């Protein structure tokens, strides 16, 4: 294998323009495409339907979309009956409740008509959606419907 040859797949979103339904200061949509693990987009609310969209600038063959959700300023009270482990200040508990991450991944060629790439209902905070035959899209939009502990997107 020649590691210097042209790869079959390339990262299409790096540095591309992004827009969103809302954001908080310092967590603008552009943070979704900067490839820095210490930055990310965050919606201004936790209401279902907040979204971030990447403009790939031209119609591309898209074979995979990787979505990562961050635990941004997560504060939550322990569930009733939580069993604690460890000593202060590092007390931990196991939350046995099922928590879901629900989001809709959409694509568009023209930015007006969208098609569903994946309607996701999972307990994972990171997901790789692969399309073996690829799809044609210029715009990729992720609409968040629910996050664990009622976090903002």
N, C-alpha and C. Protein backbone atom coordinates (compact mmCIF):
# COMPACT_ATOMS: atom_id res chain seq x y z
N UNK A 1 0.84 -1.19 0.00
CA UNK A 1 0.00 0.00 0.00
C UNK A 1 0.88 1.25 0.00
N UNK A 2 0.58 2.17 -0.85
CA UNK A 2 1.31 3.43 -0.92
C UNK A 2 0.54 4.49 -0.13
N UNK A 3 1.04 4.90 1.05
CA UNK A 3 0.30 5.87 1.86
C UNK A 3 0.24 7.26 1.25
N UNK A 4 1.01 7.52 0.21
CA UNK A 4 1.07 8.86 -0.40
C UNK A 4 0.15 8.98 -1.61
N UNK A 5 -0.49 7.90 -2.01
CA UNK A 5 -1.40 7.97 -3.16
C UNK A 5 -2.66 8.72 -2.78
N UNK A 6 -3.43 9.11 -3.77
CA UNK A 6 -4.70 9.80 -3.51
C UNK A 6 -5.65 8.84 -2.80
N UNK A 7 -6.22 9.27 -1.68
CA UNK A 7 -7.14 8.39 -0.96
C UNK A 7 -8.47 8.23 -1.69
N UNK A 8 -9.16 7.12 -1.41
CA UNK A 8 -10.48 6.90 -1.99
C UNK A 8 -11.48 7.91 -1.43
N UNK A 9 -11.35 8.22 -0.15
CA UNK A 9 -12.24 9.16 0.52
C UNK A 9 -11.42 10.31 1.06
N UNK A 10 -12.02 11.51 1.07
CA UNK A 10 -11.35 12.69 1.62
C UNK A 10 -12.32 13.42 2.53
N UNK A 11 -11.78 14.15 3.50
CA UNK A 11 -12.61 14.98 4.37
C UNK A 11 -13.08 16.18 3.56
N UNK A 12 -14.38 16.28 3.35
CA UNK A 12 -14.94 17.34 2.51
C UNK A 12 -15.32 18.58 3.29
N UNK A 13 -15.54 18.45 4.59
CA UNK A 13 -16.12 19.54 5.38
C UNK A 13 -15.10 20.49 6.00
N UNK A 14 -13.83 20.12 6.03
CA UNK A 14 -12.83 20.94 6.73
C UNK A 14 -12.81 22.38 6.22
N UNK A 15 -13.05 23.31 7.15
CA UNK A 15 -12.99 24.73 6.83
C UNK A 15 -14.12 25.24 5.96
N UNK A 16 -15.11 24.41 5.67
CA UNK A 16 -16.22 24.85 4.82
C UNK A 16 -17.18 25.70 5.64
N UNK A 17 -17.93 26.59 4.97
CA UNK A 17 -18.88 27.43 5.71
C UNK A 17 -19.99 26.60 6.34
N UNK A 18 -20.41 27.04 7.51
CA UNK A 18 -21.49 26.37 8.22
C UNK A 18 -22.43 27.42 8.79
N UNK A 19 -23.70 27.08 8.84
CA UNK A 19 -24.72 27.94 9.43
C UNK A 19 -25.51 27.11 10.43
N UNK A 20 -26.28 27.78 11.27
CA UNK A 20 -27.06 27.05 12.26
C UNK A 20 -28.32 27.81 12.60
N UNK A 21 -29.24 27.11 13.23
CA UNK A 21 -30.50 27.71 13.66
C UNK A 21 -30.25 28.72 14.77
N UNK A 22 -29.23 28.49 15.59
CA UNK A 22 -28.84 29.41 16.66
C UNK A 22 -27.49 28.96 17.19
N UNK A 23 -26.88 29.77 18.02
CA UNK A 23 -25.63 29.39 18.66
C UNK A 23 -25.39 30.29 19.86
N UNK A 24 -24.46 29.86 20.71
CA UNK A 24 -24.03 30.72 21.80
C UNK A 24 -22.67 31.30 21.41
N UNK A 25 -22.31 32.40 22.02
CA UNK A 25 -21.04 33.05 21.71
C UNK A 25 -19.88 32.11 21.99
N UNK A 26 -18.98 32.01 21.04
CA UNK A 26 -17.83 31.13 21.17
C UNK A 26 -18.07 29.72 20.68
N UNK A 27 -19.31 29.38 20.35
CA UNK A 27 -19.68 28.05 19.85
C UNK A 27 -20.45 28.18 18.54
N UNK A 28 -19.98 29.05 17.67
CA UNK A 28 -20.64 29.31 16.39
C UNK A 28 -20.58 28.08 15.48
N UNK A 29 -21.41 28.08 14.45
CA UNK A 29 -21.49 26.96 13.52
C UNK A 29 -20.15 26.64 12.88
N UNK A 30 -19.31 27.64 12.66
CA UNK A 30 -18.00 27.41 12.03
C UNK A 30 -17.13 26.45 12.86
N UNK A 31 -17.42 26.31 14.14
CA UNK A 31 -16.66 25.40 14.99
C UNK A 31 -16.92 23.94 14.62
N UNK A 32 -17.99 23.68 13.89
CA UNK A 32 -18.32 22.31 13.49
C UNK A 32 -17.40 21.81 12.37
N UNK A 33 -16.71 22.71 11.69
CA UNK A 33 -15.88 22.30 10.56
C UNK A 33 -14.40 22.67 10.73
N UNK A 34 -13.99 23.03 11.94
CA UNK A 34 -12.59 23.46 12.13
C UNK A 34 -11.65 22.30 12.50
N UNK A 35 -12.17 21.09 12.69
CA UNK A 35 -11.39 19.90 13.00
C UNK A 35 -10.55 20.06 14.27
N UNK A 36 -11.05 20.86 15.21
CA UNK A 36 -10.40 21.02 16.50
C UNK A 36 -11.27 20.33 17.54
N UNK A 37 -10.74 19.31 18.21
CA UNK A 37 -11.53 18.54 19.17
C UNK A 37 -11.91 19.36 20.40
N UNK A 38 -11.31 20.54 20.57
CA UNK A 38 -11.62 21.38 21.72
C UNK A 38 -12.66 22.44 21.42
N UNK A 39 -13.20 22.44 20.20
CA UNK A 39 -14.25 23.40 19.83
C UNK A 39 -15.41 22.64 19.21
N UNK A 40 -16.59 23.23 19.27
CA UNK A 40 -17.78 22.63 18.68
C UNK A 40 -18.88 23.68 18.62
N UNK A 41 -19.90 23.39 17.79
CA UNK A 41 -21.09 24.23 17.71
C UNK A 41 -21.99 23.87 18.88
N UNK A 42 -22.65 24.88 19.43
CA UNK A 42 -23.67 24.64 20.46
C UNK A 42 -24.85 25.55 20.19
N UNK A 43 -26.02 24.98 20.12
CA UNK A 43 -27.25 25.75 19.93
C UNK A 43 -27.53 26.60 21.16
N UNK A 44 -28.29 27.66 20.96
CA UNK A 44 -28.65 28.55 22.07
C UNK A 44 -29.73 27.94 22.97
N UNK A 45 -30.45 26.95 22.47
CA UNK A 45 -31.52 26.33 23.27
C UNK A 45 -31.40 24.80 23.21
N UNK A 46 -32.19 24.15 24.03
CA UNK A 46 -32.26 22.69 23.97
C UNK A 46 -33.58 22.24 23.35
N UNK A 47 -34.23 23.12 22.62
CA UNK A 47 -35.49 22.78 21.97
C UNK A 47 -35.24 21.86 20.78
N UNK A 48 -36.10 20.87 20.56
CA UNK A 48 -35.96 20.01 19.38
C UNK A 48 -36.01 20.84 18.10
N UNK A 49 -35.21 20.45 17.13
CA UNK A 49 -35.21 21.13 15.83
C UNK A 49 -34.04 22.07 15.62
N UNK A 50 -33.18 22.26 16.62
CA UNK A 50 -31.97 23.06 16.40
C UNK A 50 -31.11 22.32 15.38
N UNK A 51 -30.44 23.05 14.50
CA UNK A 51 -29.67 22.39 13.44
C UNK A 51 -28.39 23.15 13.12
N UNK A 52 -27.46 22.41 12.53
CA UNK A 52 -26.23 22.96 11.96
C UNK A 52 -26.10 22.38 10.56
N UNK A 53 -25.67 23.24 9.63
CA UNK A 53 -25.57 22.82 8.23
C UNK A 53 -24.22 23.22 7.66
N UNK A 54 -23.62 22.30 6.91
CA UNK A 54 -22.34 22.54 6.26
C UNK A 54 -22.58 22.68 4.76
N UNK A 55 -22.01 23.72 4.16
CA UNK A 55 -22.05 23.93 2.72
C UNK A 55 -20.72 23.44 2.16
N UNK A 56 -20.74 22.36 1.41
CA UNK A 56 -19.53 21.80 0.83
C UNK A 56 -19.05 22.59 -0.39
N UNK A 57 -19.79 23.64 -0.76
CA UNK A 57 -19.49 24.60 -1.82
C UNK A 57 -19.78 24.09 -3.23
N UNK A 58 -19.88 22.80 -3.42
CA UNK A 58 -20.26 22.23 -4.71
C UNK A 58 -20.80 20.83 -4.47
N UNK A 59 -21.51 20.31 -5.42
CA UNK A 59 -22.08 18.98 -5.27
C UNK A 59 -20.96 17.94 -5.19
N UNK A 60 -21.01 17.12 -4.17
CA UNK A 60 -19.97 16.12 -3.92
C UNK A 60 -20.57 14.72 -3.83
N UNK A 61 -19.72 13.73 -4.01
CA UNK A 61 -20.07 12.36 -3.70
C UNK A 61 -19.73 12.16 -2.22
N UNK A 62 -20.75 11.95 -1.41
CA UNK A 62 -20.56 11.80 0.04
C UNK A 62 -20.75 10.33 0.39
N UNK A 63 -19.73 9.74 0.99
CA UNK A 63 -19.78 8.33 1.35
C UNK A 63 -19.95 8.09 2.84
N UNK A 64 -19.65 9.10 3.65
CA UNK A 64 -19.79 8.94 5.09
C UNK A 64 -19.94 10.30 5.75
N UNK A 65 -20.68 10.32 6.85
CA UNK A 65 -20.81 11.52 7.68
C UNK A 65 -20.57 11.09 9.12
N UNK A 66 -19.61 11.73 9.76
CA UNK A 66 -19.26 11.42 11.14
C UNK A 66 -19.81 12.54 12.01
N UNK A 67 -20.63 12.18 12.99
CA UNK A 67 -21.25 13.16 13.89
C UNK A 67 -20.79 12.86 15.31
N UNK A 68 -20.30 13.90 15.99
CA UNK A 68 -19.86 13.78 17.38
C UNK A 68 -20.59 14.81 18.22
N UNK A 69 -21.16 14.38 19.34
CA UNK A 69 -21.81 15.29 20.28
C UNK A 69 -20.89 15.47 21.48
N UNK A 70 -20.78 16.70 21.97
CA UNK A 70 -19.93 17.01 23.12
C UNK A 70 -20.78 17.14 24.38
N UNK A 71 -20.19 16.84 25.51
CA UNK A 71 -20.81 17.13 26.81
C UNK A 71 -20.37 18.54 27.18
N UNK A 72 -21.16 19.51 26.77
CA UNK A 72 -20.80 20.91 26.96
C UNK A 72 -21.50 21.47 28.19
N UNK A 73 -20.73 21.77 29.21
CA UNK A 73 -21.24 22.32 30.48
C UNK A 73 -22.40 21.48 31.01
N UNK A 74 -22.22 20.18 30.98
CA UNK A 74 -23.26 19.27 31.46
C UNK A 74 -23.35 19.36 32.98
N UNK A 75 -24.52 19.74 33.44
CA UNK A 75 -24.81 19.72 34.87
C UNK A 75 -26.13 19.01 35.05
N UNK A 76 -26.13 18.02 35.89
CA UNK A 76 -27.35 17.25 36.11
C UNK A 76 -27.35 16.72 37.54
N UNK A 77 -28.51 16.60 38.08
CA UNK A 77 -28.65 16.03 39.42
C UNK A 77 -28.66 14.51 39.31
N UNK A 78 -28.12 13.84 40.30
CA UNK A 78 -28.16 12.37 40.27
C UNK A 78 -29.61 11.88 40.27
N UNK A 79 -29.88 10.79 39.58
CA UNK A 79 -31.22 10.25 39.59
C UNK A 79 -31.61 9.75 40.98
N UNK A 80 -32.89 9.74 41.24
CA UNK A 80 -33.38 9.27 42.53
C UNK A 80 -32.92 7.83 42.76
N UNK A 81 -32.41 7.58 43.95
CA UNK A 81 -31.95 6.24 44.29
C UNK A 81 -30.57 5.90 43.78
N UNK A 82 -29.82 6.91 43.31
CA UNK A 82 -28.48 6.66 42.76
C UNK A 82 -27.57 6.07 43.83
N UNK A 83 -26.77 5.12 43.42
CA UNK A 83 -25.81 4.49 44.32
C UNK A 83 -24.44 5.12 44.06
N UNK A 84 -23.88 5.79 45.06
CA UNK A 84 -22.62 6.52 44.90
C UNK A 84 -21.42 5.64 45.23
N UNK A 85 -20.32 5.93 44.54
CA UNK A 85 -19.06 5.24 44.73
C UNK A 85 -17.95 6.28 44.87
N UNK A 86 -16.92 5.96 45.61
CA UNK A 86 -15.77 6.85 45.75
C UNK A 86 -15.97 7.87 46.86
N UNK A 87 -14.93 8.65 47.08
CA UNK A 87 -14.93 9.66 48.14
C UNK A 87 -14.98 11.05 47.53
N UNK A 88 -15.43 12.01 48.32
CA UNK A 88 -15.45 13.41 47.90
C UNK A 88 -14.01 13.82 47.64
N UNK A 89 -13.65 14.55 46.61
CA UNK A 89 -14.52 15.25 45.66
C UNK A 89 -14.85 14.43 44.42
N UNK A 90 -14.40 13.18 44.32
CA UNK A 90 -14.61 12.40 43.10
C UNK A 90 -15.65 11.32 43.35
N UNK A 91 -16.84 11.72 43.74
CA UNK A 91 -17.93 10.75 43.93
C UNK A 91 -18.59 10.51 42.59
N UNK A 92 -18.86 9.29 42.30
CA UNK A 92 -19.49 8.92 41.03
C UNK A 92 -20.69 8.02 41.29
N UNK A 93 -21.55 7.98 40.32
CA UNK A 93 -22.69 7.08 40.41
C UNK A 93 -22.95 6.49 39.04
N UNK A 94 -23.67 5.40 39.02
CA UNK A 94 -24.06 4.77 37.76
C UNK A 94 -25.52 5.11 37.50
N UNK A 95 -25.77 5.71 36.37
CA UNK A 95 -27.13 6.05 35.97
C UNK A 95 -27.66 4.90 35.12
N UNK A 96 -28.61 4.18 35.66
CA UNK A 96 -29.12 3.00 34.96
C UNK A 96 -30.28 3.32 34.02
N UNK A 97 -30.66 4.59 33.93
CA UNK A 97 -31.72 5.00 33.00
C UNK A 97 -31.20 4.99 31.57
N UNK A 98 -32.05 4.66 30.64
CA UNK A 98 -31.71 4.68 29.22
C UNK A 98 -31.82 6.13 28.72
N UNK A 99 -30.76 6.65 28.13
CA UNK A 99 -30.77 8.00 27.57
C UNK A 99 -30.56 7.91 26.07
N UNK A 100 -31.26 8.78 25.33
CA UNK A 100 -31.21 8.72 23.88
C UNK A 100 -30.64 9.97 23.26
N UNK A 101 -30.01 9.77 22.13
CA UNK A 101 -29.58 10.85 21.26
C UNK A 101 -30.37 10.66 19.97
N UNK A 102 -31.22 11.64 19.66
CA UNK A 102 -32.08 11.55 18.47
C UNK A 102 -31.79 12.73 17.57
N UNK A 103 -31.46 12.42 16.32
CA UNK A 103 -31.15 13.48 15.37
C UNK A 103 -31.44 13.02 13.96
N UNK A 104 -31.59 13.99 13.10
CA UNK A 104 -31.92 13.74 11.70
C UNK A 104 -30.79 14.28 10.84
N UNK A 105 -30.24 13.45 9.99
CA UNK A 105 -29.19 13.85 9.07
C UNK A 105 -29.81 13.98 7.69
N UNK A 106 -29.67 15.17 7.10
CA UNK A 106 -30.28 15.45 5.80
C UNK A 106 -29.23 15.94 4.81
N UNK A 107 -29.52 15.78 3.54
CA UNK A 107 -28.66 16.27 2.48
C UNK A 107 -29.48 17.03 1.46
N UNK A 108 -28.80 17.89 0.71
CA UNK A 108 -29.45 18.66 -0.34
C UNK A 108 -28.42 19.00 -1.41
N UNK A 109 -28.89 19.05 -2.62
CA UNK A 109 -28.04 19.46 -3.73
C UNK A 109 -28.13 20.97 -3.93
N UNK A 110 -29.32 21.55 -3.64
CA UNK A 110 -29.55 22.96 -3.94
C UNK A 110 -29.81 23.85 -2.72
N UNK A 111 -29.91 23.28 -1.52
CA UNK A 111 -30.18 24.07 -0.33
C UNK A 111 -31.65 24.41 -0.13
N UNK A 112 -32.52 23.88 -0.99
CA UNK A 112 -33.96 24.13 -0.86
C UNK A 112 -34.73 22.83 -0.60
N UNK A 113 -34.42 21.82 -1.36
CA UNK A 113 -35.08 20.52 -1.19
C UNK A 113 -34.09 19.57 -0.52
N UNK A 114 -34.54 18.96 0.60
CA UNK A 114 -33.69 18.07 1.38
C UNK A 114 -34.20 16.64 1.35
N UNK A 115 -33.30 15.70 1.47
CA UNK A 115 -33.65 14.29 1.58
C UNK A 115 -33.02 13.75 2.86
N UNK A 116 -33.63 12.72 3.41
CA UNK A 116 -33.14 12.13 4.65
C UNK A 116 -32.00 11.17 4.34
N UNK A 117 -30.89 11.38 5.00
CA UNK A 117 -29.75 10.46 4.91
C UNK A 117 -29.91 9.41 5.99
N UNK A 118 -30.22 9.85 7.20
CA UNK A 118 -30.39 8.94 8.33
C UNK A 118 -31.25 9.61 9.39
N UNK A 119 -32.19 8.87 9.94
CA UNK A 119 -33.00 9.31 11.08
C UNK A 119 -32.51 8.49 12.26
N UNK A 120 -31.77 9.12 13.16
CA UNK A 120 -31.01 8.39 14.17
C UNK A 120 -31.68 8.44 15.53
N UNK A 121 -31.79 7.28 16.15
CA UNK A 121 -32.32 7.11 17.50
C UNK A 121 -31.37 6.13 18.18
N UNK A 122 -30.46 6.63 19.00
CA UNK A 122 -29.38 5.81 19.51
C UNK A 122 -29.02 6.18 20.94
N UNK A 123 -28.21 5.37 21.57
CA UNK A 123 -27.66 5.73 22.87
C UNK A 123 -26.18 6.10 22.73
N UNK A 124 -25.71 6.30 21.50
CA UNK A 124 -24.33 6.66 21.22
C UNK A 124 -24.18 8.18 21.08
N UNK A 125 -23.06 8.70 21.52
CA UNK A 125 -22.80 10.14 21.35
C UNK A 125 -21.94 10.43 20.13
N UNK A 126 -21.44 9.40 19.48
CA UNK A 126 -20.65 9.53 18.25
C UNK A 126 -21.18 8.51 17.26
N UNK A 127 -21.30 8.93 16.01
CA UNK A 127 -21.86 8.01 15.03
C UNK A 127 -21.22 8.25 13.67
N UNK A 128 -20.92 7.17 12.98
CA UNK A 128 -20.40 7.22 11.62
C UNK A 128 -21.44 6.62 10.70
N UNK A 129 -22.01 7.44 9.83
CA UNK A 129 -23.02 6.99 8.89
C UNK A 129 -22.37 6.79 7.53
N UNK A 130 -22.31 5.55 7.08
CA UNK A 130 -21.64 5.21 5.83
C UNK A 130 -22.67 4.86 4.77
N UNK A 131 -22.45 5.37 3.57
CA UNK A 131 -23.26 5.03 2.41
C UNK A 131 -22.32 4.43 1.37
N UNK A 132 -22.33 3.11 1.26
CA UNK A 132 -21.37 2.39 0.40
C UNK A 132 -21.38 2.91 -1.04
N UNK A 133 -22.55 3.26 -1.55
CA UNK A 133 -22.65 3.75 -2.92
C UNK A 133 -22.59 5.26 -3.01
N UNK A 134 -22.51 5.91 -1.87
CA UNK A 134 -22.43 7.37 -1.84
C UNK A 134 -23.75 8.04 -2.14
N UNK A 135 -23.81 9.33 -1.85
CA UNK A 135 -24.96 10.16 -2.19
C UNK A 135 -24.41 11.45 -2.80
N UNK A 136 -25.21 12.12 -3.57
CA UNK A 136 -24.84 13.42 -4.12
C UNK A 136 -25.42 14.48 -3.21
N UNK A 137 -24.57 15.39 -2.73
CA UNK A 137 -25.04 16.47 -1.87
C UNK A 137 -24.05 17.62 -1.88
N UNK A 138 -24.57 18.81 -1.74
CA UNK A 138 -23.74 19.99 -1.50
C UNK A 138 -23.89 20.41 -0.03
N UNK A 139 -25.10 20.26 0.50
CA UNK A 139 -25.40 20.67 1.87
C UNK A 139 -25.67 19.44 2.72
N UNK A 140 -25.10 19.43 3.92
CA UNK A 140 -25.36 18.38 4.90
C UNK A 140 -25.85 19.09 6.16
N UNK A 141 -27.02 18.68 6.62
CA UNK A 141 -27.63 19.31 7.80
C UNK A 141 -27.93 18.26 8.86
N UNK A 142 -27.58 18.60 10.10
CA UNK A 142 -27.88 17.74 11.24
C UNK A 142 -28.86 18.49 12.13
N UNK A 143 -30.06 17.93 12.27
CA UNK A 143 -31.10 18.52 13.12
C UNK A 143 -31.23 17.68 14.38
N UNK A 144 -31.04 18.32 15.52
CA UNK A 144 -31.04 17.61 16.80
C UNK A 144 -32.44 17.65 17.40
N UNK A 145 -32.93 16.48 17.79
CA UNK A 145 -34.27 16.38 18.38
C UNK A 145 -34.25 16.07 19.87
N UNK A 146 -33.22 15.36 20.34
CA UNK A 146 -33.14 15.04 21.77
C UNK A 146 -31.72 14.63 22.11
N UNK A 147 -31.25 15.12 23.26
CA UNK A 147 -29.95 14.73 23.79
C UNK A 147 -30.12 14.29 25.23
N UNK A 148 -29.24 13.42 25.71
CA UNK A 148 -29.32 13.00 27.11
C UNK A 148 -29.27 14.19 28.07
N UNK A 149 -30.00 14.06 29.15
CA UNK A 149 -30.05 15.07 30.21
C UNK A 149 -30.55 16.42 29.71
N UNK A 150 -31.29 16.41 28.60
CA UNK A 150 -31.90 17.63 28.05
C UNK A 150 -30.86 18.71 27.72
N UNK A 151 -29.69 18.29 27.25
CA UNK A 151 -28.63 19.22 26.88
C UNK A 151 -29.02 20.05 25.65
N UNK A 152 -28.37 21.18 25.47
CA UNK A 152 -28.50 21.93 24.22
C UNK A 152 -27.65 21.23 23.17
N UNK A 153 -28.08 21.31 21.93
CA UNK A 153 -27.34 20.69 20.82
C UNK A 153 -25.96 21.30 20.68
